[in-house]
């Protein structure tokens, strides 16, 4: 049984976190957080220094993980050119960013 999933698209030193979802009956078990953490480790291992995401409903959740809202014009142009950013459904979504510290930690 698949209980959750998340995706990460890489664009050079930047990445786009997408489609984080957990089955309703499995929520509040840190599954989503673990999926995101695993992808952030993978991003760091792949020399990604900045991870972006778009959300219409979960900005508070991602803020707890260190993501901060960012104006779209401050997003890496390669990420802005992605299919996700060009989708009409994402036009009203909040953009968020997490800068990964090269020392192994995370920062804004």
Protein backbone atom coordinates (compact mmCIF):
# COMPACT_ATOMS: atom_id res chain seq x y z
CA UNK A 1 0.00 0.00 0.00
CA UNK A 2 1.39 3.38 -0.97
CA UNK A 3 0.71 5.83 1.84
CA UNK A 4 2.56 8.88 0.57
CA UNK A 5 4.80 10.30 -2.10
CA UNK A 6 6.83 13.37 -2.96
CA UNK A 7 8.90 14.43 -5.93
CA UNK A 8 11.98 16.52 -6.54
CA UNK A 9 12.95 18.00 -9.90
CA UNK A 10 16.52 19.26 -10.12
CA UNK A 11 17.65 22.21 -12.22
CA UNK A 12 21.38 22.55 -11.67
CA UNK A 13 21.95 24.06 -8.22
CA UNK A 14 18.20 24.50 -7.68
CA UNK A 15 15.36 22.04 -7.23
CA UNK A 16 11.57 22.04 -7.14
CA UNK A 17 9.82 20.03 -4.43
CA UNK A 18 6.50 18.79 -5.75
CA UNK A 19 3.48 16.70 -5.10
CA UNK A 20 3.93 15.96 -1.41
CA UNK A 21 0.91 13.89 -0.44
CA UNK A 22 -0.01 11.42 2.31
CA UNK A 23 -3.15 9.28 2.46
CA UNK A 24 -5.60 10.87 4.91
CA UNK A 25 -5.70 7.81 7.17
CA UNK A 26 -1.89 7.93 7.52
CA UNK A 27 -1.49 11.63 8.28
CA UNK A 28 -0.03 12.94 11.55
CA UNK A 29 2.56 10.16 11.61
CA UNK A 30 5.46 12.28 10.23
CA UNK A 31 5.33 10.42 6.90
CA UNK A 32 5.18 13.64 4.86
CA UNK A 33 7.99 15.18 6.89
CA UNK A 34 10.15 12.10 6.42
CA UNK A 35 9.54 12.12 2.67
CA UNK A 36 10.54 15.79 2.48
CA UNK A 37 13.59 15.29 4.70
CA UNK A 38 14.77 12.39 2.53
CA UNK A 39 14.43 14.50 -0.61
CA UNK A 40 16.30 17.40 1.00
CA UNK A 41 19.19 15.06 1.85
CA UNK A 42 19.17 13.80 -1.73
CA UNK A 43 19.17 17.39 -3.00
CA UNK A 44 22.12 18.28 -0.80
CA UNK A 45 24.01 15.18 -1.96
CA UNK A 46 23.36 16.25 -5.56
CA UNK A 47 24.91 19.70 -4.89
CA UNK A 48 21.55 21.49 -4.85
CA UNK A 49 21.75 24.62 -2.71
CA UNK A 50 18.20 25.96 -3.04
CA UNK A 51 14.87 24.12 -3.01
CA UNK A 52 11.65 25.81 -4.11
CA UNK A 53 8.02 24.74 -3.89
CA UNK A 54 4.56 25.99 -4.74
CA UNK A 55 1.63 25.49 -2.37
CA UNK A 56 -1.95 26.64 -2.10
CA UNK A 57 -2.74 24.97 1.21
CA UNK A 58 0.39 24.02 3.15
CA UNK A 59 2.57 27.11 3.56
CA UNK A 60 2.41 26.81 7.36
CA UNK A 61 3.49 23.18 7.21
CA UNK A 62 6.49 23.95 5.01
CA UNK A 63 7.38 27.03 7.07
CA UNK A 64 7.84 24.69 10.04
CA UNK A 65 10.48 22.89 7.94
CA UNK A 66 12.35 26.12 7.28
CA UNK A 67 10.85 27.16 3.94
CA UNK A 68 10.08 30.88 3.57
CA UNK A 69 7.80 32.65 1.15
CA UNK A 70 9.63 34.32 -1.71
CA UNK A 71 8.50 36.56 -4.58
CA UNK A 72 8.35 34.63 -7.83
CA UNK A 73 10.81 36.99 -9.50
CA UNK A 74 13.46 35.77 -7.02
CA UNK A 75 13.14 32.15 -8.15
CA UNK A 76 15.83 30.57 -10.29
CA UNK A 77 14.80 31.10 -13.95
CA UNK A 78 15.35 27.40 -14.69
CA UNK A 79 12.77 26.51 -12.04
CA UNK A 80 10.41 29.22 -13.30
CA UNK A 81 10.59 27.60 -16.75
CA UNK A 82 9.47 24.21 -15.37
CA UNK A 83 6.15 22.68 -16.34
CA UNK A 84 4.93 23.05 -12.74
CA UNK A 85 5.45 26.82 -12.71
CA UNK A 86 3.79 27.27 -16.09
CA UNK A 87 0.66 25.30 -15.10
CA UNK A 88 -2.40 27.49 -14.76
CA UNK A 89 -3.39 25.83 -11.49
CA UNK A 90 -0.20 27.10 -9.86
CA UNK A 91 -0.63 30.75 -10.84
CA UNK A 92 -2.12 31.61 -7.44
CA UNK A 93 0.07 29.30 -5.35
CA UNK A 94 2.54 30.69 -2.84
CA UNK A 95 6.18 30.24 -3.77
CA UNK A 96 8.54 29.16 -1.01
CA UNK A 97 12.29 28.64 -0.79
CA UNK A 98 14.72 26.77 1.42
CA UNK A 99 18.45 27.47 1.11
CA UNK A 100 20.50 24.42 2.01
CA UNK A 101 23.65 25.21 3.94
CA UNK A 102 26.73 23.61 2.38
CA UNK A 103 27.90 22.76 5.90
CA UNK A 104 25.17 20.14 6.23
CA UNK A 105 22.55 22.22 8.02
CA UNK A 106 19.68 24.24 6.65
CA UNK A 107 19.03 27.93 6.68
CA UNK A 108 16.68 30.43 5.13
